[in-house]
């Protein structure tokens, strides 16, 4: 009986768990569904446990042992990618990284230190912008890799995580459903702003931009000053000690925002994955 775990098979397991579908995982990985099924069957034989909960062909999620293996698999894949990147690393390479401004206020400092430690000859240049322009920068080759937010899609190839959203702001006595909602938001092209407007338009609520912030600190200050409401990831708003808007504000529910990592065509793929993995661990998933 084999006792070695195959990295490609672990990638298949993660894709199935994230997409909850063998067929979508096969499409993402560029393999046939039967090949993916065979990989998982062999993996279950190696570890001696069923790894996926399935009902009538539908994947509900990982079993308890499957979830345990998923945790190890993420670490093994990240280590594999970092190792390959280090072996293929050229004498010097410039890396153009794009990310939302709020990453700088998460744990980017420690991520940057780790990147410099692992790849001392890397020349990292960072650009912050709204998500729409970051995604465009990657697709047009102006950035080598970029983190950006978007509405959830079926384009799961670059998906990293989903961030539940909530409204933050001071509820006033005039927060009636007939009043225009004062918004505090980043510039047009920000996924947070896009989700706020989508939900308000769907609910038939009038709105107006009370403050268009250019930085997370500016946005937080405007919300705390009572200028209006902001739609933000729940954990981010709570980390910044913002007050959740209560039911009296009459604000519509928000969908989650998807966090994605884009890598430009022709970029050093193992290296880009390694850099992306470090930053995701420190910032994107914080």
C-alpha atoms as a PDB file:
ATOM      1  CA  UNK A   1       0.000   0.000   0.000  1.00  0.00           C
ATOM      2  CA  UNK A   2       1.467   3.418  -0.987  1.00  0.00           C
ATOM      3  CA  UNK A   3       2.296   5.738   1.912  1.00  0.00           C
ATOM      4  CA  UNK A   4       3.158   8.891  -0.055  1.00  0.00           C
ATOM      5  CA  UNK A   5       0.653  11.672  -0.687  1.00  0.00           C
ATOM      6  CA  UNK A   6       0.630  13.066  -4.202  1.00  0.00           C
ATOM      7  CA  UNK A   7       0.496  16.879  -4.489  1.00  0.00           C
ATOM      8  CA  UNK A   8      -1.707  16.874  -7.598  1.00  0.00           C
ATOM      9  CA  UNK A   9      -4.183  14.583  -5.835  1.00  0.00           C
ATOM     10  CA  UNK A  10      -4.251  16.932  -2.849  1.00  0.00           C
ATOM     11  CA  UNK A  11      -4.955  19.806  -5.215  1.00  0.00           C
ATOM     12  CA  UNK A  12      -7.888  17.816  -6.588  1.00  0.00           C
ATOM     13  CA  UNK A  13      -9.229  17.233  -3.067  1.00  0.00           C
ATOM     14  CA  UNK A  14      -9.057  20.961  -2.260  1.00  0.00           C
ATOM     15  CA  UNK A  15     -10.793  21.861  -5.519  1.00  0.00           C
ATOM     16  CA  UNK A  16     -13.638  19.430  -4.822  1.00  0.00           C
ATOM     17  CA  UNK A  17     -14.069  20.689  -1.245  1.00  0.00           C
ATOM     18  CA  UNK A  18     -14.064  24.332  -2.348  1.00  0.00           C
ATOM     19  CA  UNK A  19     -16.353  23.845  -5.368  1.00  0.00           C
ATOM     20  CA  UNK A  20     -18.510  21.027  -3.879  1.00  0.00           C
ATOM     21  CA  UNK A  21     -18.469  19.355  -7.264  1.00  0.00           C
ATOM     22  CA  UNK A  22     -16.349  16.719  -9.006  1.00  0.00           C
ATOM     23  CA  UNK A  23     -17.256  18.057 -12.438  1.00  0.00           C
ATOM     24  CA  UNK A  24     -16.375  21.685 -11.638  1.00  0.00           C
ATOM     25  CA  UNK A  25     -13.144  20.587  -9.981  1.00  0.00           C
ATOM     26  CA  UNK A  26     -12.241  18.548 -13.063  1.00  0.00           C
ATOM     27  CA  UNK A  27     -12.962  21.548 -15.301  1.00  0.00           C
ATOM     28  CA  UNK A  28     -10.835  23.827 -13.122  1.00  0.00           C
ATOM     29  CA  UNK A  29      -7.910  21.399 -13.087  1.00  0.00           C
ATOM     30  CA  UNK A  30      -8.167  20.550 -16.776  1.00  0.00           C
ATOM     31  CA  UNK A  31      -8.797  16.842 -16.204  1.00  0.00           C
ATOM     32  CA  UNK A  32     -11.667  14.445 -16.771  1.00  0.00           C
ATOM     33  CA  UNK A  33     -14.185  13.787 -14.012  1.00  0.00           C
ATOM     34  CA  UNK A  34     -13.351  10.079 -14.042  1.00  0.00           C
ATOM     35  CA  UNK A  35      -9.654  10.855 -13.509  1.00  0.00           C
ATOM     36  CA  UNK A  36     -10.482  13.084 -10.534  1.00  0.00           C
ATOM     37  CA  UNK A  37     -12.759  10.409  -9.063  1.00  0.00           C
ATOM     38  CA  UNK A  38      -9.993   7.809  -9.404  1.00  0.00           C
ATOM     39  CA  UNK A  39      -7.520  10.129  -7.671  1.00  0.00           C
ATOM     40  CA  UNK A  40      -9.849  10.588  -4.694  1.00  0.00           C
ATOM     41  CA  UNK A  41     -10.549   6.850  -4.480  1.00  0.00           C
ATOM     42  CA  UNK A  42      -6.811   6.119  -4.368  1.00  0.00           C
ATOM     43  CA  UNK A  43      -6.285   8.881  -1.790  1.00  0.00           C
ATOM     44  CA  UNK A  44      -8.991   7.419   0.435  1.00  0.00           C
ATOM     45  CA  UNK A  45      -7.312   4.034   0.136  1.00  0.00           C
ATOM     46  CA  UNK A  46      -3.967   5.519   1.197  1.00  0.00           C
ATOM     47  CA  UNK A  47      -5.293   7.344   4.267  1.00  0.00           C
ATOM     48  CA  UNK A  48      -7.790   4.618   5.150  1.00  0.00           C
ATOM     49  CA  UNK A  49     -10.810   6.901   5.561  1.00  0.00           C
ATOM     50  CA  UNK A  50     -13.616   8.350   3.425  1.00  0.00           C
ATOM     51  CA  UNK A  51     -12.835  11.998   2.820  1.00  0.00           C
ATOM     52  CA  UNK A  52     -16.038  13.444   1.344  1.00  0.00           C
ATOM     53  CA  UNK A  53     -19.661  13.483   2.445  1.00  0.00           C
ATOM     54  CA  UNK A  54     -21.798  12.656  -0.579  1.00  0.00           C
ATOM     55  CA  UNK A  55     -25.531  12.219  -1.137  1.00  0.00           C
ATOM     56  CA  UNK A  56     -26.865  11.136  -4.539  1.00  0.00           C
ATOM     57  CA  UNK A  57     -23.681  12.245  -6.235  1.00  0.00           C
ATOM     58  CA  UNK A  58     -23.660  15.690  -4.587  1.00  0.00           C
ATOM     59  CA  UNK A  59     -20.678  16.724  -2.485  1.00  0.00           C
ATOM     60  CA  UNK A  60     -21.826  18.153   0.842  1.00  0.00           C
ATOM     61  CA  UNK A  61     -18.340  18.777   2.194  1.00  0.00           C
ATOM     62  CA  UNK A  62     -15.426  16.947   3.785  1.00  0.00           C
ATOM     63  CA  UNK A  63     -15.817  14.282   6.450  1.00  0.00           C
ATOM     64  CA  UNK A  64     -14.133  14.887   9.815  1.00  0.00           C
ATOM     65  CA  UNK A  65     -11.008  13.093   8.588  1.00  0.00           C
ATOM     66  CA  UNK A  66     -11.326  14.852   5.244  1.00  0.00           C
ATOM     67  CA  UNK A  67     -11.313  18.258   6.934  1.00  0.00           C
ATOM     68  CA  UNK A  68      -8.221  17.230   8.883  1.00  0.00           C
ATOM     69  CA  UNK A  69      -6.474  16.205   5.674  1.00  0.00           C
ATOM     70  CA  UNK A  70      -7.518  19.449   3.954  1.00  0.00           C
ATOM     71  CA  UNK A  71      -5.643  21.423   6.618  1.00  0.00           C
ATOM     72  CA  UNK A  72      -2.497  19.360   6.079  1.00  0.00           C
ATOM     73  CA  UNK A  73      -2.959  19.487   2.297  1.00  0.00           C
ATOM     74  CA  UNK A  74      -2.964  23.287   2.249  1.00  0.00           C
ATOM     75  CA  UNK A  75       0.325  23.330   4.164  1.00  0.00           C
ATOM     76  CA  UNK A  76       1.896  20.666   1.940  1.00  0.00           C
ATOM     77  CA  UNK A  77       0.854  22.400  -1.285  1.00  0.00           C
ATOM     78  CA  UNK A  78       2.112  25.765  -0.031  1.00  0.00           C
ATOM     79  CA  UNK A  79       5.460  24.229   0.952  1.00  0.00           C
ATOM     80  CA  UNK A  80       5.702  22.463  -2.408  1.00  0.00           C
ATOM     81  CA  UNK A  81       5.012  25.689  -4.319  1.00  0.00           C
ATOM     82  CA  UNK A  82       7.501  27.675  -2.261  1.00  0.00           C
ATOM     83  CA  UNK A  83      10.165  25.001  -2.782  1.00  0.00           C
ATOM     84  CA  UNK A  84       9.657  24.868  -6.551  1.00  0.00           C
ATOM     85  CA  UNK A  85       9.690  28.661  -6.692  1.00  0.00           C
ATOM     86  CA  UNK A  86      12.945  28.836  -4.737  1.00  0.00           C
ATOM     87  CA  UNK A  87      14.610  26.270  -7.034  1.00  0.00           C
ATOM     88  CA  UNK A  88      13.505  28.087 -10.181  1.00  0.00           C
ATOM     89  CA  UNK A  89      14.140  31.556  -8.816  1.00  0.00           C
ATOM     90  CA  UNK A  90      16.289  33.633 -11.206  1.00  0.00           C
ATOM     91  CA  UNK A  91      19.158  35.850 -10.082  1.00  0.00           C
ATOM     92  CA  UNK A  92      16.809  38.814  -9.729  1.00  0.00           C
ATOM     93  CA  UNK A  93      13.210  39.436 -10.645  1.00  0.00           C
ATOM     94  CA  UNK A  94      10.886  42.374 -10.314  1.00  0.00           C
ATOM     95  CA  UNK A  95       7.432  41.488  -9.040  1.00  0.00           C
ATOM     96  CA  UNK A  96       4.524  43.896  -9.510  1.00  0.00           C
ATOM     97  CA  UNK A  97       1.936  43.183  -6.827  1.00  0.00           C
ATOM     98  CA  UNK A  98      -1.526  44.693  -6.645  1.00  0.00           C
ATOM     99  CA  UNK A  99      -3.859  44.548  -3.635  1.00  0.00           C
ATOM    100  CA  UNK A 100      -6.691  46.451  -1.940  1.00  0.00           C
ATOM    101  CA  UNK A 101      -5.558  49.258   0.366  1.00  0.00           C
ATOM    102  CA  UNK A 102      -7.017  47.512   3.421  1.00  0.00           C
ATOM    103  CA  UNK A 103      -4.356  44.777   3.080  1.00  0.00           C
ATOM    104  CA  UNK A 104      -1.811  47.306   4.312  1.00  0.00           C
ATOM    105  CA  UNK A 105      -3.788  47.556   7.542  1.00  0.00           C
ATOM    106  CA  UNK A 106      -4.029  43.813   8.074  1.00  0.00           C
ATOM    107  CA  UNK A 107      -0.691  41.999   8.479  1.00  0.00           C
ATOM    108  CA  UNK A 108       1.131  42.937   5.305  1.00  0.00           C
ATOM    109  CA  UNK A 109       4.251  43.986   7.239  1.00  0.00           C
ATOM    110  CA  UNK A 110       4.929  40.434   8.400  1.00  0.00           C
ATOM    111  CA  UNK A 111       4.035  39.043   4.950  1.00  0.00           C
ATOM    112  CA  UNK A 112       6.559  41.410   3.374  1.00  0.00           C
ATOM    113  CA  UNK A 113       9.253  40.330   5.837  1.00  0.00           C
ATOM    114  CA  UNK A 114       8.598  36.659   5.013  1.00  0.00           C
ATOM    115  CA  UNK A 115       8.694  37.298   1.263  1.00  0.00           C
ATOM    116  CA  UNK A 116      12.007  39.124   1.607  1.00  0.00           C
ATOM    117  CA  UNK A 117      13.364  36.332   3.788  1.00  0.00           C
ATOM    118  CA  UNK A 118      12.403  33.537   1.385  1.00  0.00           C
ATOM    119  CA  UNK A 119      13.255  35.432  -1.805  1.00  0.00           C
ATOM    120  CA  UNK A 120      15.963  37.965  -0.901  1.00  0.00           C
ATOM    121  CA  UNK A 121      16.657  38.868  -4.542  1.00  0.00           C
ATOM    122  CA  UNK A 122      13.049  39.738  -5.288  1.00  0.00           C
ATOM    123  CA  UNK A 123      12.258  43.359  -6.094  1.00  0.00           C
ATOM    124  CA  UNK A 124       8.680  43.773  -4.911  1.00  0.00           C
ATOM    125  CA  UNK A 125       6.709  46.831  -6.029  1.00  0.00           C
ATOM    126  CA  UNK A 126       3.217  47.246  -4.585  1.00  0.00           C
ATOM    127  CA  UNK A 127       0.224  49.072  -6.028  1.00  0.00           C
ATOM    128  CA  UNK A 128      -3.038  49.552  -4.126  1.00  0.00           C
ATOM    129  CA  UNK A 129      -6.253  50.298  -5.985  1.00  0.00           C
ATOM    130  CA  UNK A 130      -9.919  49.371  -6.212  1.00  0.00           C
ATOM    131  CA  UNK A 131     -10.635  45.797  -7.218  1.00  0.00           C
ATOM    132  CA  UNK A 132     -11.857  46.448 -10.761  1.00  0.00           C
ATOM    133  CA  UNK A 133      -8.623  48.181 -11.726  1.00  0.00           C
ATOM    134  CA  UNK A 134      -6.487  45.540 -10.010  1.00  0.00           C
ATOM    135  CA  UNK A 135      -8.194  42.747 -11.948  1.00  0.00           C
ATOM    136  CA  UNK A 136      -7.761  44.740 -15.157  1.00  0.00           C
ATOM    137  CA  UNK A 137      -4.081  45.313 -14.363  1.00  0.00           C
ATOM    138  CA  UNK A 138      -3.450  41.566 -14.138  1.00  0.00           C
ATOM    139  CA  UNK A 139      -5.400  40.727 -17.286  1.00  0.00           C
ATOM    140  CA  UNK A 140      -3.494  43.380 -19.286  1.00  0.00           C
ATOM    141  CA  UNK A 141      -0.074  42.427 -17.886  1.00  0.00           C
ATOM    142  CA  UNK A 142       0.487  45.650 -15.953  1.00  0.00           C
ATOM    143  CA  UNK A 143       0.624  43.608 -12.726  1.00  0.00           C
ATOM    144  CA  UNK A 144       2.203  40.204 -12.197  1.00  0.00           C
ATOM    145  CA  UNK A 145      -0.249  39.157  -9.514  1.00  0.00           C
ATOM    146  CA  UNK A 146      -3.037  40.872  -7.637  1.00  0.00           C
ATOM    147  CA  UNK A 147      -5.572  40.240  -4.925  1.00  0.00           C
ATOM    148  CA  UNK A 148      -8.989  41.695  -5.652  1.00  0.00           C
ATOM    149  CA  UNK A 149     -12.615  41.430  -4.533  1.00  0.00           C
ATOM    150  CA  UNK A 150     -15.560  40.556  -6.752  1.00  0.00           C
ATOM    151  CA  UNK A 151     -19.138  39.341  -6.609  1.00  0.00           C
ATOM    152  CA  UNK A 152     -19.227  35.534  -6.208  1.00  0.00           C
ATOM    153  CA  UNK A 153     -18.987  33.817  -9.601  1.00  0.00           C
ATOM    154  CA  UNK A 154     -18.534  30.372 -11.067  1.00  0.00           C
ATOM    155  CA  UNK A 155     -14.998  31.378 -12.088  1.00  0.00           C
ATOM    156  CA  UNK A 156     -13.495  29.519  -9.155  1.00  0.00           C
ATOM    157  CA  UNK A 157      -9.986  29.178 -10.588  1.00  0.00           C
ATOM    158  CA  UNK A 158      -8.707  32.243  -8.702  1.00  0.00           C
ATOM    159  CA  UNK A 159     -11.067  32.155  -5.721  1.00  0.00           C
ATOM    160  CA  UNK A 160      -9.415  32.118  -2.308  1.00  0.00           C
ATOM    161  CA  UNK A 161     -12.165  32.870   0.199  1.00  0.00           C
ATOM    162  CA  UNK A 162     -15.526  34.489   0.758  1.00  0.00           C
ATOM    163  CA  UNK A 163     -15.970  37.452   3.080  1.00  0.00           C
ATOM    164  CA  UNK A 164     -19.435  37.893   4.664  1.00  0.00           C
ATOM    165  CA  UNK A 165     -20.519  41.528   4.525  1.00  0.00           C
ATOM    166  CA  UNK A 166     -22.347  43.775   7.001  1.00  0.00           C
ATOM    167  CA  UNK A 167     -23.484  47.385   7.309  1.00  0.00           C
ATOM    168  CA  UNK A 168     -21.608  49.623   9.737  1.00  0.00           C
ATOM    169  CA  UNK A 169     -22.580  53.070  10.974  1.00  0.00           C
ATOM    170  CA  UNK A 170     -24.484  55.019  13.597  1.00  0.00           C
ATOM    171  CA  UNK A 171     -28.225  54.522  13.270  1.00  0.00           C
ATOM    172  CA  UNK A 172     -30.086  57.811  13.527  1.00  0.00           C
ATOM    173  CA  UNK A 173     -33.679  58.545  14.446  1.00  0.00           C
ATOM    174  CA  UNK A 174     -34.395  59.449  10.817  1.00  0.00           C
ATOM    175  CA  UNK A 175     -33.314  56.074   9.440  1.00  0.00           C
ATOM    176  CA  UNK A 176     -36.654  55.493   7.697  1.00  0.00           C
ATOM    177  CA  UNK A 177     -37.079  53.409   4.575  1.00  0.00           C
ATOM    178  CA  UNK A 178     -38.127  56.523   2.606  1.00  0.00           C
ATOM    179  CA  UNK A 179     -34.898  58.369   3.366  1.00  0.00           C
ATOM    180  CA  UNK A 180     -31.944  58.250   1.000  1.00  0.00           C
ATOM    181  CA  UNK A 181     -29.175  56.153   2.544  1.00  0.00           C
ATOM    182  CA  UNK A 182     -25.961  58.173   3.082  1.00  0.00           C
ATOM    183  CA  UNK A 183     -23.055  56.001   1.979  1.00  0.00           C
ATOM    184  CA  UNK A 184     -19.412  56.030   2.966  1.00  0.00           C
ATOM    185  CA  UNK A 185     -17.510  54.092   0.307  1.00  0.00           C
ATOM    186  CA  UNK A 186     -14.341  53.732  -1.692  1.00  0.00           C
ATOM    187  CA  UNK A 187     -14.197  54.898  -5.326  1.00  0.00           C
ATOM    188  CA  UNK A 188     -16.219  53.352  -8.132  1.00  0.00           C
ATOM    189  CA  UNK A 189     -14.785  49.932  -8.982  1.00  0.00           C
ATOM    190  CA  UNK A 190     -14.601  48.779  -5.355  1.00  0.00           C
ATOM    191  CA  UNK A 191     -16.410  45.470  -4.767  1.00  0.00           C
ATOM    192  CA  UNK A 192     -17.662  46.635  -1.343  1.00  0.00           C
ATOM    193  CA  UNK A 193     -19.264  49.676  -2.935  1.00  0.00           C
ATOM    194  CA  UNK A 194     -20.665  47.564  -5.761  1.00  0.00           C
ATOM    195  CA  UNK A 195     -22.355  45.197  -3.320  1.00  0.00           C
ATOM    196  CA  UNK A 196     -23.794  48.092  -1.294  1.00  0.00           C
ATOM    197  CA  UNK A 197     -25.337  49.667  -4.403  1.00  0.00           C
ATOM    198  CA  UNK A 198     -26.589  46.322  -5.704  1.00  0.00           C
ATOM    199  CA  UNK A 199     -28.441  45.585  -2.468  1.00  0.00           C
ATOM    200  CA  UNK A 200     -29.906  49.082  -2.172  1.00  0.00           C
ATOM    201  CA  UNK A 201     -31.058  49.179  -5.800  1.00  0.00           C
ATOM    202  CA  UNK A 202     -32.615  45.726  -5.460  1.00  0.00           C
ATOM    203  CA  UNK A 203     -34.514  46.896  -2.367  1.00  0.00           C
ATOM    204  CA  UNK A 204     -35.630  50.083  -4.113  1.00  0.00           C
ATOM    205  CA  UNK A 205     -33.793  52.300  -1.613  1.00  0.00           C
ATOM    206  CA  UNK A 206     -32.530  55.703  -2.641  1.00  0.00           C
ATOM    207  CA  UNK A 207     -28.916  56.444  -1.783  1.00  0.00           C
ATOM    208  CA  UNK A 208     -26.252  59.112  -2.029  1.00  0.00           C
ATOM    209  CA  UNK A 209     -22.494  59.164  -1.534  1.00  0.00           C
ATOM    210  CA  UNK A 210     -21.875  61.091   1.684  1.00  0.00           C
ATOM    211  CA  UNK A 211     -18.120  60.426   1.653  1.00  0.00           C
ATOM    212  CA  UNK A 212     -15.869  58.815  -0.950  1.00  0.00           C
ATOM    213  CA  UNK A 213     -12.774  57.684   0.953  1.00  0.00           C
ATOM    214  CA  UNK A 214      -9.352  57.082  -0.581  1.00  0.00           C
ATOM    215  CA  UNK A 215      -8.055  54.894   2.248  1.00  0.00           C
ATOM    216  CA  UNK A 216      -9.403  52.481   4.831  1.00  0.00           C
ATOM    217  CA  UNK A 217      -8.445  54.810   7.655  1.00  0.00           C
ATOM    218  CA  UNK A 218     -10.364  57.619   5.952  1.00  0.00           C
ATOM    219  CA  UNK A 219     -13.412  55.421   5.494  1.00  0.00           C
ATOM    220  CA  UNK A 220     -13.319  54.260   9.128  1.00  0.00           C
ATOM    221  CA  UNK A 221     -13.010  57.857  10.327  1.00  0.00           C
ATOM    222  CA  UNK A 222     -15.994  58.942   8.249  1.00  0.00           C
ATOM    223  CA  UNK A 223     -18.165  56.129   9.591  1.00  0.00           C
ATOM    224  CA  UNK A 224     -17.165  56.840  13.187  1.00  0.00           C
ATOM    225  CA  UNK A 225     -17.935  60.522  12.621  1.00  0.00           C
ATOM    226  CA  UNK A 226     -21.478  59.579  11.641  1.00  0.00           C
ATOM    227  CA  UNK A 227     -21.305  60.672   7.986  1.00  0.00           C
ATOM    228  CA  UNK A 228     -23.075  57.552   6.780  1.00  0.00           C
ATOM    229  CA  UNK A 229     -23.120  53.783   6.423  1.00  0.00           C
ATOM    230  CA  UNK A 230     -20.430  51.566   4.933  1.00  0.00           C
ATOM    231  CA  UNK A 231     -20.697  48.014   3.593  1.00  0.00           C
ATOM    232  CA  UNK A 232     -17.596  46.125   4.742  1.00  0.00           C
ATOM    233  CA  UNK A 233     -16.489  42.552   5.444  1.00  0.00           C
ATOM    234  CA  UNK A 234     -17.838  41.697   8.893  1.00  0.00           C
ATOM    235  CA  UNK A 235     -14.458  40.805  10.391  1.00  0.00           C
ATOM    236  CA  UNK A 236     -12.803  43.914   8.985  1.00  0.00           C
ATOM    237  CA  UNK A 237     -15.452  46.261  10.381  1.00  0.00           C
ATOM    238  CA  UNK A 238     -15.345  44.596  13.777  1.00  0.00           C
ATOM    239  CA  UNK A 239     -11.534  44.710  13.805  1.00  0.00           C
ATOM    240  CA  UNK A 240     -11.753  48.459  13.266  1.00  0.00           C
ATOM    241  CA  UNK A 241     -14.221  48.763  16.193  1.00  0.00           C
ATOM    242  CA  UNK A 242     -17.034  50.012  13.965  1.00  0.00           C
ATOM    243  CA  UNK A 243     -20.615  49.784  15.190  1.00  0.00           C
ATOM    244  CA  UNK A 244     -22.910  47.410  13.299  1.00  0.00           C
ATOM    245  CA  UNK A 245     -25.985  49.204  11.962  1.00  0.00           C
ATOM    246  CA  UNK A 246     -29.048  47.841  13.738  1.00  0.00           C
ATOM    247  CA  UNK A 247     -32.414  46.913  12.264  1.00  0.00           C
ATOM    248  CA  UNK A 248     -33.754  50.443  12.765  1.00  0.00           C
ATOM    249  CA  UNK A 249     -31.577  51.586   9.862  1.00  0.00           C
ATOM    250  CA  UNK A 250     -33.730  49.484   7.516  1.00  0.00           C
ATOM    251  CA  UNK A 251     -30.788  48.488   5.348  1.00  0.00           C
ATOM    252  CA  UNK A 252     -31.105  45.494   2.986  1.00  0.00           C
ATOM    253  CA  UNK A 253     -29.066  42.297   3.442  1.00  0.00           C
ATOM    254  CA  UNK A 254     -25.681  42.029   1.755  1.00  0.00           C
ATOM    255  CA  UNK A 255     -24.183  39.121  -0.152  1.00  0.00           C
ATOM    256  CA  UNK A 256     -20.676  37.880   0.569  1.00  0.00           C
ATOM    257  CA  UNK A 257     -17.785  39.213  -1.502  1.00  0.00           C
ATOM    258  CA  UNK A 258     -15.346  36.790  -3.094  1.00  0.00           C
ATOM    259  CA  UNK A 259     -11.616  37.265  -2.663  1.00  0.00           C
ATOM    260  CA  UNK A 260      -9.584  36.235  -5.703  1.00  0.00           C
ATOM    261  CA  UNK A 261      -5.930  36.022  -6.690  1.00  0.00           C
ATOM    262  CA  UNK A 262      -5.064  36.743 -10.289  1.00  0.00           C
ATOM    263  CA  UNK A 263      -1.714  35.824 -11.886  1.00  0.00           C
ATOM    264  CA  UNK A 264      -0.705  37.347 -15.208  1.00  0.00           C
ATOM    265  CA  UNK A 265       0.028  35.173 -18.216  1.00  0.00           C
ATOM    266  CA  UNK A 266       3.740  34.553 -18.634  1.00  0.00           C
ATOM    267  CA  UNK A 267       4.455  35.233 -14.974  1.00  0.00           C
ATOM    268  CA  UNK A 268       6.757  32.837 -13.087  1.00  0.00           C
ATOM    269  CA  UNK A 269       3.846  30.697 -11.890  1.00  0.00           C
ATOM    270  CA  UNK A 270       5.453  28.747  -9.002  1.00  0.00           C
ATOM    271  CA  UNK A 271       6.940  31.945  -7.639  1.00  0.00           C
ATOM    272  CA  UNK A 272       3.682  33.882  -8.009  1.00  0.00           C
ATOM    273  CA  UNK A 273       1.807  31.118  -6.204  1.00  0.00           C
ATOM    274  CA  UNK A 274       4.393  31.160  -3.423  1.00  0.00           C
ATOM    275  CA  UNK A 275       4.135  34.935  -2.989  1.00  0.00           C
ATOM    276  CA  UNK A 276       0.347  34.749  -3.164  1.00  0.00           C
ATOM    277  CA  UNK A 277       0.257  31.977  -0.574  1.00  0.00           C
ATOM    278  CA  UNK A 278       2.345  33.953   1.904  1.00  0.00           C
ATOM    279  CA  UNK A 279       0.246  37.098   1.546  1.00  0.00           C
ATOM    280  CA  UNK A 280      -3.036  35.170   1.627  1.00  0.00           C
ATOM    281  CA  UNK A 281      -2.049  33.487   4.856  1.00  0.00           C
ATOM    282  CA  UNK A 282      -1.012  36.756   6.496  1.00  0.00           C
ATOM    283  CA  UNK A 283      -3.507  39.222   5.017  1.00  0.00           C
ATOM    284  CA  UNK A 284      -6.207  37.826   2.772  1.00  0.00           C
ATOM    285  CA  UNK A 285      -7.442  35.211   5.214  1.00  0.00           C
ATOM    286  CA  UNK A 286      -6.789  37.229   8.384  1.00  0.00           C
END
